[in-house]
Amino acid sequence: MKKFKVSITIEAESPETVQKVGNLIQNAVNKVEQRDIIRLLEKVAKNPQIVKTALKFI
């Protein structure tokens, strides 16, 4: 599979927060199947509130 480098913009209070978010995104992309990430992010894009609901069960 080919590798691609993607740049994103993250608004945050501190560089540490940005680093943490970036590392967690990269970790998820490396460990979770692409189709599952796509499906999850599509759901979140349509309904961001779903994240708060899901976090109640984690």
C-alpha atoms as a PDB file:
ATOM      1  CA  MET A   1       0.000   0.000   0.000  1.00  0.00           C
ATOM      2  CA  LYS A   2       1.272   3.490  -0.807  1.00  0.00           C
ATOM      3  CA  LYS A   3       1.982   6.003   1.951  1.00  0.00           C
ATOM      4  CA  PHE A   4       0.789   9.586   1.727  1.00  0.00           C
ATOM      5  CA  LYS A   5       1.612  12.565   3.894  1.00  0.00           C
ATOM      6  CA  VAL A   6      -1.351  14.776   4.798  1.00  0.00           C
ATOM      7  CA  SER A   7      -1.225  18.123   6.509  1.00  0.00           C
ATOM      8  CA  ILE A   8      -4.094  19.347   8.680  1.00  0.00           C
ATOM      9  CA  THR A   9      -4.747  22.473  10.708  1.00  0.00           C
ATOM     10  CA  ILE A  10      -5.542  22.047  14.391  1.00  0.00           C
ATOM     11  CA  GLU A  11      -6.616  24.906  16.650  1.00  0.00           C
ATOM     12  CA  ALA A  12      -5.457  24.375  20.224  1.00  0.00           C
ATOM     13  CA  GLU A  13      -4.431  26.158  23.390  1.00  0.00           C
ATOM     14  CA  SER A  14      -0.878  24.801  23.349  1.00  0.00           C
ATOM     15  CA  PRO A  15       1.666  23.016  21.147  1.00  0.00           C
ATOM     16  CA  GLU A  16       1.481  20.031  23.514  1.00  0.00           C
ATOM     17  CA  THR A  17      -2.225  19.628  22.779  1.00  0.00           C
ATOM     18  CA  VAL A  18      -1.584  19.746  19.037  1.00  0.00           C
ATOM     19  CA  GLN A  19       1.193  17.170  19.385  1.00  0.00           C
ATOM     20  CA  LYS A  20      -1.066  14.872  21.405  1.00  0.00           C
ATOM     21  CA  VAL A  21      -3.946  15.159  18.915  1.00  0.00           C
ATOM     22  CA  GLY A  22      -1.603  14.522  15.993  1.00  0.00           C
ATOM     23  CA  ASN A  23      -0.019  11.502  17.665  1.00  0.00           C
ATOM     24  CA  LEU A  24      -3.409  10.026  18.564  1.00  0.00           C
ATOM     25  CA  ILE A  25      -4.726  10.488  15.024  1.00  0.00           C
ATOM     26  CA  GLN A  26      -1.610   8.823  13.585  1.00  0.00           C
ATOM     27  CA  ASN A  27      -1.888   5.986  16.101  1.00  0.00           C
ATOM     28  CA  ALA A  28      -5.537   5.389  15.196  1.00  0.00           C
ATOM     29  CA  VAL A  29      -4.759   5.430  11.472  1.00  0.00           C
ATOM     30  CA  ASN A  30      -1.997   2.862  12.037  1.00  0.00           C
ATOM     31  CA  LYS A  31      -4.074   0.496  14.187  1.00  0.00           C
ATOM     32  CA  VAL A  32      -7.663   0.737  12.907  1.00  0.00           C
ATOM     33  CA  GLU A  33      -8.830  -0.490   9.509  1.00  0.00           C
ATOM     34  CA  GLN A  34      -9.209   2.349   7.025  1.00  0.00           C
ATOM     35  CA  ARG A  35     -12.819   1.555   6.192  1.00  0.00           C
ATOM     36  CA  ASP A  36     -13.713   1.691   9.904  1.00  0.00           C
ATOM     37  CA  ILE A  37     -11.965   5.061  10.348  1.00  0.00           C
ATOM     38  CA  ILE A  38     -13.758   6.420   7.276  1.00  0.00           C
ATOM     39  CA  ARG A  39     -17.120   5.182   8.513  1.00  0.00           C
ATOM     40  CA  LEU A  40     -16.535   6.612  11.990  1.00  0.00           C
ATOM     41  CA  LEU A  41     -15.391  10.016  10.748  1.00  0.00           C
ATOM     42  CA  GLU A  42     -18.293  10.262   8.311  1.00  0.00           C
ATOM     43  CA  LYS A  43     -20.702   9.677  11.208  1.00  0.00           C
ATOM     44  CA  VAL A  44     -18.916  12.279  13.350  1.00  0.00           C
ATOM     45  CA  ALA A  45     -18.926  14.820  10.508  1.00  0.00           C
ATOM     46  CA  LYS A  46     -22.692  14.406  10.135  1.00  0.00           C
ATOM     47  CA  ASN A  47     -23.385  14.436  13.878  1.00  0.00           C
ATOM     48  CA  PRO A  48     -20.531  15.690  16.130  1.00  0.00           C
ATOM     49  CA  GLN A  49     -22.684  15.163  19.245  1.00  0.00           C
ATOM     50  CA  ILE A  50     -22.284  11.410  18.734  1.00  0.00           C
ATOM     51  CA  VAL A  51     -18.775  11.699  20.205  1.00  0.00           C
ATOM     52  CA  LYS A  52     -20.033  12.939  23.575  1.00  0.00           C
ATOM     53  CA  THR A  53     -22.660  10.196  23.621  1.00  0.00           C
ATOM     54  CA  ALA A  54     -20.098   7.508  22.758  1.00  0.00           C
ATOM     55  CA  LEU A  55     -17.688   8.736  25.433  1.00  0.00           C
ATOM     56  CA  LYS A  56     -20.336   8.100  28.099  1.00  0.00           C
ATOM     57  CA  PHE A  57     -20.079   4.381  27.289  1.00  0.00           C
ATOM     58  CA  ILE A  58     -16.288   4.148  27.195  1.00  0.00           C
END
